[in-house]
Amino acid sequence: PVEAGWELFKHQLHLHHTAEDEIIWPVLRPRLAHSEHALSVL
């Protein structure tokens, strides 16, 4: 059960970070291109 919980945690983290890196942040970048601070955060 520990391994089952750990594997699911890793899987959900992978999905979450992939969605951010490949969908969410790329959508924000052109909208925030005028802000050096915003781009540095992304």
Full PDB file with SEQRES, HELIX, SHEET, SSBOND, CRYST1, ORIGX, SCALE, CONECT and MASTER records, all heavy atoms in Angstrom:
SEQRES   1 A   42  PRO VAL GLU ALA GLY TRP GLU LEU PHE LYS HIS GLN LEU          
SEQRES   2 A   42  HIS LEU HIS HIS THR ALA GLU ASP GLU ILE ILE TRP PRO          
SEQRES   3 A   42  VAL LEU ARG PRO ARG LEU ALA HIS SER GLU HIS ALA LEU          
SEQRES   4 A   42  SER VAL LEU                                                  
HELIX    1 AA1 VAL A    2  ALA A   19  1                                  18    
HELIX    2 AA2 GLU A   20  ILE A   24  3                                   5    
HELIX    3 AA3 TRP A   25  ARG A   31  1                                   7    
HELIX    4 AA4 GLU A   36  VAL A   41  1                                   6    
CRYST1    1.000    1.000    1.000  90.00  90.00  90.00 P 1           1          
ORIGX1      1.000000  0.000000  0.000000        0.00000                         
ORIGX2      0.000000  1.000000  0.000000        0.00000                         
ORIGX3      0.000000  0.000000  1.000000        0.00000                         
SCALE1      1.000000  0.000000  0.000000        0.00000                         
SCALE2      0.000000  1.000000  0.000000        0.00000                         
SCALE3      0.000000  0.000000  1.000000        0.00000                         
ATOM      1  N   PRO A   1       0.803  -1.226   0.000  1.00  0.00           N  
ATOM      2  CA  PRO A   1       0.000   0.000   0.000  1.00  0.00           C  
ATOM      3  C   PRO A   1       0.836   1.277   0.000  1.00  0.00           C  
ATOM      4  O   PRO A   1       0.416   2.292  -0.566  1.00  0.00           O  
ATOM      5  CB  PRO A   1      -0.846  -0.116   1.270  1.00  0.00           C  
ATOM      6  CG  PRO A   1      -0.165  -1.126   2.115  1.00  0.00           C  
ATOM      7  CD  PRO A   1       0.513  -2.072   1.177  1.00  0.00           C  
ATOM      8  N   VAL A   2       2.019   1.232   0.629  1.00  0.00           N  
ATOM      9  CA  VAL A   2       2.895   2.401   0.593  1.00  0.00           C  
ATOM     10  C   VAL A   2       3.349   2.665  -0.840  1.00  0.00           C  
ATOM     11  O   VAL A   2       3.322   3.800  -1.337  1.00  0.00           O  
ATOM     12  CB  VAL A   2       4.107   2.224   1.521  1.00  0.00           C  
ATOM     13  CG1 VAL A   2       5.085   3.396   1.370  1.00  0.00           C  
ATOM     14  CG2 VAL A   2       3.650   2.098   2.968  1.00  0.00           C  
ATOM     15  N   GLU A   3       3.737   1.596  -1.540  1.00  0.00           N  
ATOM     16  CA  GLU A   3       4.162   1.754  -2.929  1.00  0.00           C  
ATOM     17  C   GLU A   3       3.015   2.221  -3.808  1.00  0.00           C  
ATOM     18  O   GLU A   3       3.223   3.041  -4.717  1.00  0.00           O  
ATOM     19  CB  GLU A   3       4.724   0.430  -3.452  1.00  0.00           C  
ATOM     20  CG  GLU A   3       6.080   0.070  -2.860  1.00  0.00           C  
ATOM     21  CD  GLU A   3       6.618  -1.234  -3.421  1.00  0.00           C  
ATOM     22  OE1 GLU A   3       5.812  -2.037  -3.939  1.00  0.00           O  
ATOM     23  OE2 GLU A   3       7.838  -1.444  -3.342  1.00  0.00           O  
ATOM     24  N   ALA A   4       1.798   1.736  -3.548  1.00  0.00           N  
ATOM     25  CA  ALA A   4       0.643   2.159  -4.344  1.00  0.00           C  
ATOM     26  C   ALA A   4       0.386   3.651  -4.153  1.00  0.00           C  
ATOM     27  O   ALA A   4       0.106   4.386  -5.118  1.00  0.00           O  
ATOM     28  CB  ALA A   4      -0.596   1.353  -3.963  1.00  0.00           C  
ATOM     29  N   GLY A   5       0.465   4.137  -2.913  1.00  0.00           N  
ATOM     30  CA  GLY A   5       0.282   5.563  -2.657  1.00  0.00           C  
ATOM     31  C   GLY A   5       1.368   6.396  -3.295  1.00  0.00           C  
ATOM     32  O   GLY A   5       1.110   7.455  -3.878  1.00  0.00           O  
ATOM     33  N   TRP A   6       2.605   5.920  -3.200  1.00  0.00           N  
ATOM     34  CA  TRP A   6       3.746   6.642  -3.764  1.00  0.00           C  
ATOM     35  C   TRP A   6       3.656   6.711  -5.281  1.00  0.00           C  
ATOM     36  O   TRP A   6       3.889   7.760  -5.889  1.00  0.00           O  
ATOM     37  CB  TRP A   6       5.042   5.977  -3.319  1.00  0.00           C  
ATOM     38  CG  TRP A   6       6.288   6.439  -4.010  1.00  0.00           C  
ATOM     39  CD1 TRP A   6       7.134   5.691  -4.758  1.00  0.00           C  
ATOM     40  CD2 TRP A   6       6.858   7.749  -3.979  1.00  0.00           C  
ATOM     41  NE1 TRP A   6       8.180   6.434  -5.221  1.00  0.00           N  
ATOM     42  CE2 TRP A   6       8.038   7.708  -4.749  1.00  0.00           C  
ATOM     43  CE3 TRP A   6       6.472   8.951  -3.384  1.00  0.00           C  
ATOM     44  CZ2 TRP A   6       8.844   8.825  -4.943  1.00  0.00           C  
ATOM     45  CZ3 TRP A   6       7.275  10.073  -3.588  1.00  0.00           C  
ATOM     46  CH2 TRP A   6       8.447  10.003  -4.350  1.00  0.00           C  
ATOM     47  N   GLU A   7       3.302   5.594  -5.933  1.00  0.00           N  
ATOM     48  CA  GLU A   7       3.210   5.585  -7.393  1.00  0.00           C  
ATOM     49  C   GLU A   7       2.115   6.522  -7.881  1.00  0.00           C  
ATOM     50  O   GLU A   7       2.284   7.220  -8.889  1.00  0.00           O  
ATOM     51  CB  GLU A   7       2.958   4.161  -7.898  1.00  0.00           C  
ATOM     52  CG  GLU A   7       4.136   3.222  -7.738  1.00  0.00           C  
ATOM     53  CD  GLU A   7       5.376   3.689  -8.490  1.00  0.00           C  
ATOM     54  OE1 GLU A   7       5.231   4.212  -9.618  1.00  0.00           O  
ATOM     55  OE2 GLU A   7       6.492   3.540  -7.937  1.00  0.00           O  
ATOM     56  N   LEU A   8       0.986   6.567  -7.184  1.00  0.00           N  
ATOM     57  CA  LEU A   8      -0.088   7.468  -7.591  1.00  0.00           C  
ATOM     58  C   LEU A   8       0.330   8.922  -7.388  1.00  0.00           C  
ATOM     59  O   LEU A   8       0.041   9.781  -8.234  1.00  0.00           O  
ATOM     60  CB  LEU A   8      -1.363   7.172  -6.805  1.00  0.00           C  
ATOM     61  CG  LEU A   8      -2.574   8.043  -7.168  1.00  0.00           C  
ATOM     62  CD1 LEU A   8      -2.938   7.906  -8.646  1.00  0.00           C  
ATOM     63  CD2 LEU A   8      -3.766   7.693  -6.283  1.00  0.00           C  
ATOM     64  N   PHE A   9       0.991   9.210  -6.287  1.00  0.00           N  
ATOM     65  CA  PHE A   9       1.498  10.564  -6.045  1.00  0.00           C  
ATOM     66  C   PHE A   9       2.401  11.002  -7.190  1.00  0.00           C  
ATOM     67  O   PHE A   9       2.254  12.116  -7.733  1.00  0.00           O  
ATOM     68  CB  PHE A   9       2.261  10.590  -4.725  1.00  0.00           C  
ATOM     69  CG  PHE A   9       3.068  11.841  -4.497  1.00  0.00           C  
ATOM     70  CD1 PHE A   9       2.476  12.976  -3.967  1.00  0.00           C  
ATOM     71  CD2 PHE A   9       4.421  11.884  -4.800  1.00  0.00           C  
ATOM     72  CE1 PHE A   9       3.212  14.136  -3.751  1.00  0.00           C  
ATOM     73  CE2 PHE A   9       5.167  13.027  -4.596  1.00  0.00           C  
ATOM     74  CZ  PHE A   9       4.565  14.164  -4.069  1.00  0.00           C  
ATOM     75  N   LYS A  10       3.352  10.155  -7.580  1.00  0.00           N  
ATOM     76  CA  LYS A  10       4.271  10.507  -8.669  1.00  0.00           C  
ATOM     77  C   LYS A  10       3.516  10.727  -9.975  1.00  0.00           C  
ATOM     78  O   LYS A  10       3.823  11.656 -10.740  1.00  0.00           O  
ATOM     79  CB  LYS A  10       5.319   9.405  -8.853  1.00  0.00           C  
ATOM     80  CG  LYS A  10       6.354   9.326  -7.767  1.00  0.00           C  
ATOM     81  CD  LYS A  10       7.502   8.398  -8.172  1.00  0.00           C  
ATOM     82  CE  LYS A  10       7.022   6.977  -8.422  1.00  0.00           C  
ATOM     83  NZ  LYS A  10       8.112   6.091  -8.855  1.00  0.00           N  
ATOM     84  N   HIS A  11       2.539   9.875 -10.243  1.00  0.00           N  
ATOM     85  CA  HIS A  11       1.777   9.987 -11.476  1.00  0.00           C  
ATOM     86  C   HIS A  11       1.006  11.307 -11.521  1.00  0.00           C  
ATOM     87  O   HIS A  11       1.017  12.012 -12.543  1.00  0.00           O  
ATOM     88  CB  HIS A  11       0.826   8.798 -11.595  1.00  0.00           C  
ATOM     89  CG  HIS A  11       0.006   8.802 -12.850  1.00  0.00           C  
ATOM     90  ND1 HIS A  11       0.567   8.726 -14.110  1.00  0.00           N  
ATOM     91  CD2 HIS A  11      -1.346   8.883 -13.047  1.00  0.00           C  
ATOM     92  CE1 HIS A  11      -0.382   8.747 -15.021  1.00  0.00           C  
ATOM     93  NE2 HIS A  11      -1.549   8.854 -14.404  1.00  0.00           N  
ATOM     94  N   GLN A  12       0.337  11.653 -10.431  1.00  0.00           N  
ATOM     95  CA  GLN A  12      -0.424  12.894 -10.399  1.00  0.00           C  
ATOM     96  C   GLN A  12       0.499  14.107 -10.490  1.00  0.00           C  
ATOM     97  O   GLN A  12       0.156  15.111 -11.136  1.00  0.00           O  
ATOM     98  CB  GLN A  12      -1.277  12.964  -9.128  1.00  0.00           C  
ATOM     99  CG  GLN A  12      -2.398  11.942  -9.078  1.00  0.00           C  
ATOM    100  CD  GLN A  12      -3.387  12.105 -10.217  1.00  0.00           C  
ATOM    101  OE1 GLN A  12      -3.645  13.212 -10.683  1.00  0.00           O  
ATOM    102  NE2 GLN A  12      -3.953  10.990 -10.672  1.00  0.00           N  
ATOM    103  N   LEU A  13       1.653  14.038  -9.871  1.00  0.00           N  
ATOM    104  CA  LEU A  13       2.605  15.144  -9.959  1.00  0.00           C  
ATOM    105  C   LEU A  13       3.101  15.311 -11.395  1.00  0.00           C  
ATOM    106  O   LEU A  13       3.240  16.435 -11.895  1.00  0.00           O  
ATOM    107  CB  LEU A  13       3.782  14.902  -9.008  1.00  0.00           C  
ATOM    108  CG  LEU A  13       4.779  16.048  -8.864  1.00  0.00           C  
ATOM    109  CD1 LEU A  13       4.108  17.288  -8.273  1.00  0.00           C  
ATOM    110  CD2 LEU A  13       5.969  15.613  -7.992  1.00  0.00           C  
ATOM    111  N   HIS A  14       3.344  14.184 -12.069  1.00  0.00           N  
ATOM    112  CA  HIS A  14       3.782  14.246 -13.469  1.00  0.00           C  
ATOM    113  C   HIS A  14       2.705  14.886 -14.340  1.00  0.00           C  
ATOM    114  O   HIS A  14       3.004  15.773 -15.165  1.00  0.00           O  
ATOM    115  CB  HIS A  14       4.106  12.839 -13.972  1.00  0.00           C  
ATOM    116  CG  HIS A  14       4.350  12.779 -15.453  1.00  0.00           C  
ATOM    117  ND1 HIS A  14       5.496  13.265 -16.038  1.00  0.00           N  
ATOM    118  CD2 HIS A  14       3.567  12.300 -16.468  1.00  0.00           C  
ATOM    119  CE1 HIS A  14       5.417  13.089 -17.356  1.00  0.00           C  
ATOM    120  NE2 HIS A  14       4.268  12.514 -17.639  1.00  0.00           N  
ATOM    121  N   LEU A  15       1.454  14.464 -14.180  1.00  0.00           N  
ATOM    122  CA  LEU A  15       0.371  15.045 -14.976  1.00  0.00           C  
ATOM    123  C   LEU A  15       0.244  16.544 -14.697  1.00  0.00           C  
ATOM    124  O   LEU A  15       0.037  17.343 -15.626  1.00  0.00           O  
ATOM    125  CB  LEU A  15      -0.949  14.344 -14.658  1.00  0.00           C  
ATOM    126  CG  LEU A  15      -1.099  12.892 -15.107  1.00  0.00           C  
ATOM    127  CD1 LEU A  15      -2.463  12.349 -14.668  1.00  0.00           C  
ATOM    128  CD2 LEU A  15      -0.941  12.756 -16.618  1.00  0.00           C  
ATOM    129  N   HIS A  16       0.340  16.915 -13.433  1.00  0.00           N  
ATOM    130  CA  HIS A  16       0.177  18.317 -13.029  1.00  0.00           C  
ATOM    131  C   HIS A  16       1.277  19.189 -13.626  1.00  0.00           C  
ATOM    132  O   HIS A  16       1.007  20.230 -14.230  1.00  0.00           O  
ATOM    133  CB  HIS A  16       0.194  18.383 -11.498  1.00  0.00           C  
ATOM    134  CG  HIS A  16      -0.130  19.714 -10.933  1.00  0.00           C  
ATOM    135  ND1 HIS A  16      -1.421  20.167 -10.764  1.00  0.00           N  
ATOM    136  CD2 HIS A  16       0.678  20.720 -10.479  1.00  0.00           C  
ATOM    137  CE1 HIS A  16      -1.414  21.380 -10.239  1.00  0.00           C  
ATOM    138  NE2 HIS A  16      -0.141  21.743 -10.047  1.00  0.00           N  
ATOM    139  N   HIS A  17       2.520  18.754 -13.479  1.00  0.00           N  
ATOM    140  CA  HIS A  17       3.629  19.551 -13.985  1.00  0.00           C  
ATOM    141  C   HIS A  17       3.657  19.570 -15.506  1.00  0.00           C  
ATOM    142  O   HIS A  17       4.006  20.600 -16.107  1.00  0.00           O  
ATOM    143  CB  HIS A  17       4.952  19.015 -13.432  1.00  0.00           C  
ATOM    144  CG  HIS A  17       5.199  19.397 -12.008  1.00  0.00           C  
ATOM    145  ND1 HIS A  17       6.302  18.970 -11.294  1.00  0.00           N  
ATOM    146  CD2 HIS A  17       4.488  20.182 -11.162  1.00  0.00           C  
ATOM    147  CE1 HIS A  17       6.252  19.475 -10.077  1.00  0.00           C  
ATOM    148  NE2 HIS A  17       5.155  20.215  -9.972  1.00  0.00           N  
ATOM    149  N   THR A  18       3.306  18.472 -16.145  1.00  0.00           N  
ATOM    150  CA  THR A  18       3.269  18.444 -17.605  1.00  0.00           C  
ATOM    151  C   THR A  18       2.215  19.406 -18.133  1.00  0.00           C  
ATOM    152  O   THR A  18       2.446  20.124 -19.118  1.00  0.00           O  
ATOM    153  CB  THR A  18       2.982  17.023 -18.114  1.00  0.00           C  
ATOM    154  OG1 THR A  18       4.030  16.146 -17.677  1.00  0.00           O  
ATOM    155  CG2 THR A  18       2.927  16.983 -19.633  1.00  0.00           C  
ATOM    156  N   ALA A  19       1.049  19.427 -17.496  1.00  0.00           N  
ATOM    157  CA  ALA A  19      -0.009  20.359 -17.922  1.00  0.00           C  
ATOM    158  C   ALA A  19       0.459  21.804 -17.775  1.00  0.00           C  
ATOM    159  O   ALA A  19       0.182  22.650 -18.642  1.00  0.00           O  
ATOM    160  CB  ALA A  19      -1.278  20.123 -17.104  1.00  0.00           C  
ATOM    161  N   GLU A  20       1.170  22.094 -16.698  1.00  0.00           N  
ATOM    162  CA  GLU A  20       1.671  23.460 -16.515  1.00  0.00           C  
ATOM    163  C   GLU A  20       2.710  23.812 -17.570  1.00  0.00           C  
ATOM    164  O   GLU A  20       2.633  24.870 -18.209  1.00  0.00           O  
ATOM    165  CB  GLU A  20       2.266  23.606 -15.114  1.00  0.00           C  
ATOM    166  CG  GLU A  20       1.221  23.592 -14.008  1.00  0.00           C  
ATOM    167  CD  GLU A  20       1.821  23.666 -12.624  1.00  0.00           C  
ATOM    168  OE1 GLU A  20       3.035  23.358 -12.459  1.00  0.00           O  
ATOM    169  OE2 GLU A  20       1.079  24.037 -11.692  1.00  0.00           O  
ATOM    170  N   ASP A  21       3.692  22.923 -17.776  1.00  0.00           N  
ATOM    171  CA  ASP A  21       4.800  23.226 -18.676  1.00  0.00           C  
ATOM    172  C   ASP A  21       4.375  23.256 -20.144  1.00  0.00           C  
ATOM    173  O   ASP A  21       4.924  24.035 -20.934  1.00  0.00           O  
ATOM    174  CB  ASP A  21       5.914  22.182 -18.513  1.00  0.00           C  
ATOM    175  CG  ASP A  21       6.654  22.325 -17.201  1.00  0.00           C  
ATOM    176  OD1 ASP A  21       6.561  23.390 -16.570  1.00  0.00           O  
ATOM    177  OD2 ASP A  21       7.318  21.346 -16.787  1.00  0.00           O  
ATOM    178  N   GLU A  22       3.426  22.405 -20.529  1.00  0.00           N  
ATOM    179  CA  GLU A  22       3.074  22.267 -21.944  1.00  0.00           C  
ATOM    180  C   GLU A  22       1.793  22.983 -22.340  1.00  0.00           C  
ATOM    181  O   GLU A  22       1.570  23.203 -23.541  1.00  0.00           O  
ATOM    182  CB  GLU A  22       2.983  20.780 -22.306  1.00  0.00           C  
ATOM    183  CG  GLU A  22       4.307  20.056 -22.124  1.00  0.00           C  
ATOM    184  CD  GLU A  22       4.248  18.597 -22.557  1.00  0.00           C  
ATOM    185  OE1 GLU A  22       3.183  18.166 -23.066  1.00  0.00           O  
ATOM    186  OE2 GLU A  22       5.260  17.891 -22.397  1.00  0.00           O  
ATOM    187  N   ILE A  23       0.955  23.353 -21.376  1.00  0.00           N  
ATOM    188  CA  ILE A  23      -0.309  24.005 -21.720  1.00  0.00           C  
ATOM    189  C   ILE A  23      -0.464  25.351 -21.011  1.00  0.00           C  
ATOM    190  O   ILE A  23      -0.662  26.379 -21.655  1.00  0.00           O  
ATOM    191  CB  ILE A  23      -1.513  23.093 -21.387  1.00  0.00           C  
ATOM    192  CG1 ILE A  23      -1.453  21.812 -22.238  1.00  0.00           C  
ATOM    193  CG2 ILE A  23      -2.829  23.829 -21.631  1.00  0.00           C  
ATOM    194  CD1 ILE A  23      -2.580  20.829 -21.960  1.00  0.00           C  
ATOM    195  N   ILE A  24      -0.362  25.368 -19.680  1.00  0.00           N  
ATOM    196  CA  ILE A  24      -0.703  26.591 -18.941  1.00  0.00           C  
ATOM    197  C   ILE A  24       0.330  27.690 -19.143  1.00  0.00           C  
ATOM    198  O   ILE A  24      -0.004  28.806 -19.568  1.00  0.00           O  
ATOM    199  CB  ILE A  24      -0.876  26.278 -17.445  1.00  0.00           C  
ATOM    200  CG1 ILE A  24      -2.035  25.294 -17.241  1.00  0.00           C  
ATOM    201  CG2 ILE A  24      -1.141  27.570 -16.665  1.00  0.00           C  
ATOM    202  CD1 ILE A  24      -2.215  24.824 -15.809  1.00  0.00           C  
ATOM    203  N   TRP A  25       1.598  27.405 -18.841  1.00  0.00           N  
ATOM    204  CA  TRP A  25       2.603  28.467 -18.957  1.00  0.00           C  
ATOM    205  C   TRP A  25       2.738  28.961 -20.395  1.00  0.00           C  
ATOM    206  O   TRP A  25       2.862  30.187 -20.606  1.00  0.00           O  
ATOM    207  CB  TRP A  25       3.958  28.020 -18.405  1.00  0.00           C  
ATOM    208  CG  TRP A  25       3.983  27.454 -17.018  1.00  0.00           C  
ATOM    209  CD1 TRP A  25       4.796  26.440 -16.575  1.00  0.00           C  
ATOM    210  CD2 TRP A  25       3.215  27.851 -15.857  1.00  0.00           C  
ATOM    211  NE1 TRP A  25       4.559  26.178 -15.245  1.00  0.00           N  
ATOM    212  CE2 TRP A  25       3.606  27.024 -14.778  1.00  0.00           C  
ATOM    213  CE3 TRP A  25       2.236  28.811 -15.646  1.00  0.00           C  
ATOM    214  CZ2 TRP A  25       3.044  27.138 -13.506  1.00  0.00           C  
ATOM    215  CZ3 TRP A  25       1.656  28.926 -14.379  1.00  0.00           C  
ATOM    216  CH2 TRP A  25       2.069  28.111 -13.335  1.00  0.00           C  
ATOM    217  N   PRO A  26       2.720  28.082 -21.420  1.00  0.00           N  
ATOM    218  CA  PRO A  26       2.796  28.604 -22.799  1.00  0.00           C  
ATOM    219  C   PRO A  26       1.630  29.504 -23.184  1.00  0.00           C  
ATOM    220  O   PRO A  26       1.795  30.388 -24.031  1.00  0.00           O  
ATOM    221  CB  PRO A  26       2.812  27.321 -23.651  1.00  0.00           C  
ATOM    222  CG  PRO A  26       3.416  26.292 -22.773  1.00  0.00           C  
ATOM    223  CD  PRO A  26       2.875  26.605 -21.397  1.00  0.00           C  
ATOM    224  N   VAL A  27       0.456  29.292 -22.596  1.00  0.00           N  
ATOM    225  CA  VAL A  27      -0.670  30.187 -22.860  1.00  0.00           C  
ATOM    226  C   VAL A  27      -0.422  31.554 -22.238  1.00  0.00           C  
ATOM    227  O   VAL A  27      -0.784  32.601 -22.808  1.00  0.00           O  
ATOM    228  CB  VAL A  27      -1.984  29.575 -22.323  1.00  0.00           C  
ATOM    229  CG1 VAL A  27      -3.113  30.601 -22.340  1.00  0.00           C  
ATOM    230  CG2 VAL A  27      -2.386  28.356 -23.161  1.00  0.00           C  
ATOM    231  N   LEU A  28       0.201  31.567 -21.078  1.00  0.00           N  
ATOM    232  CA  LEU A  28       0.436  32.834 -20.381  1.00  0.00           C  
ATOM    233  C   LEU A  28       1.555  33.659 -21.008  1.00  0.00           C  
ATOM    234  O   LEU A  28       1.500  34.902 -20.985  1.00  0.00           O  
ATOM    235  CB  LEU A  28       0.776  32.571 -18.910  1.00  0.00           C  
ATOM    236  CG  LEU A  28      -0.272  31.882 -18.042  1.00  0.00           C  
ATOM    237  CD1 LEU A  28       0.209  31.822 -16.595  1.00  0.00           C  
ATOM    238  CD2 LEU A  28      -1.624  32.567 -18.127  1.00  0.00           C  
ATOM    239  N   ARG A  29       2.568  33.001 -21.552  1.00  0.00           N  
ATOM    240  CA  ARG A  29       3.765  33.724 -21.984  1.00  0.00           C  
ATOM    241  C   ARG A  29       3.480  34.852 -22.977  1.00  0.00           C  
ATOM    242  O   ARG A  29       3.966  35.977 -22.787  1.00  0.00           O  
ATOM    243  CB  ARG A  29       4.793  32.740 -22.557  1.00  0.00           C  
ATOM    244  CG  ARG A  29       5.568  32.001 -21.483  1.00  0.00           C  
ATOM    245  CD  ARG A  29       6.669  31.142 -22.066  1.00  0.00           C  
ATOM    246  NE  ARG A  29       7.371  30.435 -21.011  1.00  0.00           N  
ATOM    247  CZ  ARG A  29       8.347  30.941 -20.278  1.00  0.00           C  
ATOM    248  NH1 ARG A  29       8.741  32.186 -20.510  1.00  0.00           N  
ATOM    249  NH2 ARG A  29       8.928  30.231 -19.339  1.00  0.00           N  
ATOM    250  N   PRO A  30       2.732  34.610 -24.074  1.00  0.00           N  
ATOM    251  CA  PRO A  30       2.509  35.730 -25.003  1.00  0.00           C  
ATOM    252  C   PRO A  30       1.692  36.861 -24.396  1.00  0.00           C  
ATOM    253  O   PRO A  30       1.880  38.030 -24.767  1.00  0.00           O  
ATOM    254  CB  PRO A  30       1.763  35.071 -26.173  1.00  0.00           C  
ATOM    255  CG  PRO A  30       1.209  33.802 -25.637  1.00  0.00           C  
ATOM    256  CD  PRO A  30       2.166  33.350 -24.593  1.00  0.00           C  
ATOM    257  N   ARG A  31       0.821  36.544 -23.451  1.00  0.00           N  
ATOM    258  CA  ARG A  31       0.027  37.588 -22.803  1.00  0.00           C  
ATOM    259  C   ARG A  31       0.871  38.442 -21.860  1.00  0.00           C  
ATOM    260  O   ARG A  31       0.518  39.576 -21.568  1.00  0.00           O  
ATOM    261  CB  ARG A  31      -1.128  36.952 -22.009  1.00  0.00           C  
ATOM    262  CG  ARG A  31      -2.094  36.131 -22.840  1.00  0.00           C  
ATOM    263  CD  ARG A  31      -2.957  37.026 -23.725  1.00  0.00           C  
ATOM    264  NE  ARG A  31      -3.949  36.264 -24.454  1.00  0.00           N  
ATOM    265  CZ  ARG A  31      -5.174  36.017 -24.027  1.00  0.00           C  
ATOM    266  NH1 ARG A  31      -5.555  36.484 -22.836  1.00  0.00           N  
ATOM    267  NH2 ARG A  31      -6.010  35.322 -24.755  1.00  0.00           N  
ATOM    268  N   LEU A  32       1.950  37.846 -21.352  1.00  0.00           N  
ATOM    269  CA  LEU A  32       2.772  38.520 -20.344  1.00  0.00           C  
ATOM    270  C   LEU A  32       4.149  38.900 -20.885  1.00  0.00           C  
ATOM    271  O   LEU A  32       5.063  39.191 -20.113  1.00  0.00           O  
ATOM    272  CB  LEU A  32       2.931  37.615 -19.126  1.00  0.00           C  
ATOM    273  CG  LEU A  32       1.628  37.229 -18.429  1.00  0.00           C  
ATOM    274  CD1 LEU A  32       1.871  36.127 -17.399  1.00  0.00           C  
ATOM    275  CD2 LEU A  32       1.000  38.446 -17.753  1.00  0.00           C  
ATOM    276  N   ALA A  33       4.280  38.908 -22.210  1.00  0.00           N  
ATOM    277  CA  ALA A  33       5.589  39.153 -22.822  1.00  0.00           C  
ATOM    278  C   ALA A  33       6.137  40.533 -22.485  1.00  0.00           C  
ATOM    279  O   ALA A  33       7.355  40.759 -22.547  1.00  0.00           O  
ATOM    280  CB  ALA A  33       5.485  38.998 -24.340  1.00  0.00           C  
ATOM    281  N   HIS A  34       5.272  41.462 -22.110  1.00  0.00           N  
ATOM    282  CA  HIS A  34       5.703  42.820 -21.773  1.00  0.00           C  
ATOM    283  C   HIS A  34       6.324  42.909 -20.382  1.00  0.00           C  
ATOM    284  O   HIS A  34       6.921  43.931 -20.033  1.00  0.00           O  
ATOM    285  CB  HIS A  34       4.496  43.765 -21.809  1.00  0.00           C  
ATOM    286  CG  HIS A  34       3.427  43.380 -20.820  1.00  0.00           C  
ATOM    287  ND1 HIS A  34       2.556  42.325 -21.044  1.00  0.00           N  
ATOM    288  CD2 HIS A  34       3.117  43.881 -19.593  1.00  0.00           C  
ATOM    289  CE1 HIS A  34       1.742  42.216 -19.993  1.00  0.00           C  
ATOM    290  NE2 HIS A  34       2.063  43.139 -19.110  1.00  0.00           N  
ATOM    291  N   SER A  35       6.176  41.832 -19.579  1.00  0.00           N  
ATOM    292  CA  SER A  35       6.624  41.881 -18.186  1.00  0.00           C  
ATOM    293  C   SER A  35       7.818  40.959 -17.977  1.00  0.00           C  
ATOM    294  O   SER A  35       7.676  39.728 -17.984  1.00  0.00           O  
ATOM    295  CB  SER A  35       5.483  41.468 -17.254  1.00  0.00           C  
ATOM    296  OG  SER A  35       5.957  41.307 -15.926  1.00  0.00           O  
ATOM    297  N   GLU A  36       8.975  41.544 -17.779  1.00  0.00           N  
ATOM    298  CA  GLU A  36      10.176  40.741 -17.528  1.00  0.00           C  
ATOM    299  C   GLU A  36      10.027  39.934 -16.239  1.00  0.00           C  
ATOM    300  O   GLU A  36      10.465  38.780 -16.163  1.00  0.00           O  
ATOM    301  CB  GLU A  36      11.395  41.650 -17.447  1.00  0.00           C  
ATOM    302  CG  GLU A  36      12.711  40.916 -17.247  1.00  0.00           C  
ATOM    303  CD  GLU A  36      13.904  41.856 -17.250  1.00  0.00           C  
ATOM    304  OE1 GLU A  36      13.749  43.011 -17.694  1.00  0.00           O  
ATOM    305  OE2 GLU A  36      14.985  41.423 -16.798  1.00  0.00           O  
ATOM    306  N   HIS A  37       9.378  40.533 -15.241  1.00  0.00           N  
ATOM    307  CA  HIS A  37       9.184  39.824 -13.977  1.00  0.00           C  
ATOM    308  C   HIS A  37       8.297  38.599 -14.170  1.00  0.00           C  
ATOM    309  O   HIS A  37       8.615  37.509 -13.675  1.00  0.00           O  
ATOM    310  CB  HIS A  37       8.564  40.748 -12.939  1.00  0.00           C  
ATOM    311  CG  HIS A  37       8.119  40.023 -11.692  1.00  0.00           C  
ATOM    312  ND1 HIS A  37       9.009  39.522 -10.769  1.00  0.00           N  
ATOM    313  CD2 HIS A  37       6.872  39.689 -11.243  1.00  0.00           C  
ATOM    314  CE1 HIS A  37       8.345  38.914  -9.794  1.00  0.00           C  
ATOM    315  NE2 HIS A  37       7.049  39.006 -10.064  1.00  0.00           N  
ATOM    316  N   ALA A  38       7.187  38.763 -14.881  1.00  0.00           N  
ATOM    317  CA  ALA A  38       6.272  37.638 -15.085  1.00  0.00           C  
ATOM    318  C   ALA A  38       6.970  36.510 -15.833  1.00  0.00           C  
ATOM    319  O   ALA A  38       6.827  35.332 -15.476  1.00  0.00           O  
ATOM    320  CB  ALA A  38       5.037  38.098 -15.848  1.00  0.00           C  
ATOM    321  N   LEU A  39       7.728  36.848 -16.860  1.00  0.00           N  
ATOM    322  CA  LEU A  39       8.426  35.805 -17.618  1.00  0.00           C  
ATOM    323  C   LEU A  39       9.478  35.112 -16.758  1.00  0.00           C  
ATOM    324  O   LEU A  39       9.693  33.901 -16.887  1.00  0.00           O  
ATOM    325  CB  LEU A  39       9.064  36.409 -18.868  1.00  0.00           C  
ATOM    326  CG  LEU A  39       8.093  36.958 -19.912  1.00  0.00           C  
ATOM    327  CD1 LEU A  39       8.862  37.527 -21.103  1.00  0.00           C  
ATOM    328  CD2 LEU A  39       7.119  35.881 -20.379  1.00  0.00           C  
ATOM    329  N   SER A  40      10.128  35.853 -15.879  1.00  0.00           N  
ATOM    330  CA  SER A  40      11.118  35.229 -14.997  1.00  0.00           C  
ATOM    331  C   SER A  40      10.448  34.261 -14.026  1.00  0.00           C  
ATOM    332  O   SER A  40      11.023  33.221 -13.674  1.00  0.00           O  
ATOM    333  CB  SER A  40      11.904  36.294 -14.227  1.00  0.00           C  
ATOM    334  OG  SER A  40      11.106  36.934 -13.247  1.00  0.00           O  
ATOM    335  N   VAL A  41       9.218  34.597 -13.588  1.00  0.00           N  
ATOM    336  CA  VAL A  41       8.479  33.684 -12.717  1.00  0.00           C  
ATOM    337  C   VAL A  41       8.154  32.398 -13.468  1.00  0.00           C  
ATOM    338  O   VAL A  41       8.327  31.294 -12.932  1.00  0.00           O  
ATOM    339  CB  VAL A  41       7.191  34.356 -12.206  1.00  0.00           C  
ATOM    340  CG1 VAL A  41       6.286  33.325 -11.531  1.00  0.00           C  
ATOM    341  CG2 VAL A  41       7.527  35.476 -11.234  1.00  0.00           C  
ATOM    342  N   LEU A  42       7.689  32.502 -14.713  1.00  0.00           N  
ATOM    343  CA  LEU A  42       7.365  31.307 -15.487  1.00  0.00           C  
ATOM    344  C   LEU A  42       8.615  30.466 -15.744  1.00  0.00           C  
ATOM    345  O   LEU A  42       8.555  29.229 -15.703  1.00  0.00           O  
ATOM    346  CB  LEU A  42       6.698  31.704 -16.803  1.00  0.00           C  
ATOM    347  CG  LEU A  42       5.354  32.430 -16.668  1.00  0.00           C  
ATOM    348  CD1 LEU A  42       4.797  32.775 -18.049  1.00  0.00           C  
ATOM    349  CD2 LEU A  42       4.358  31.601 -15.887  1.00  0.00           C  
TER     350      LEU A  42                                                      
MASTER        0    0    0    4    0    0    0    6  349    1    0    4          
END                                                                             
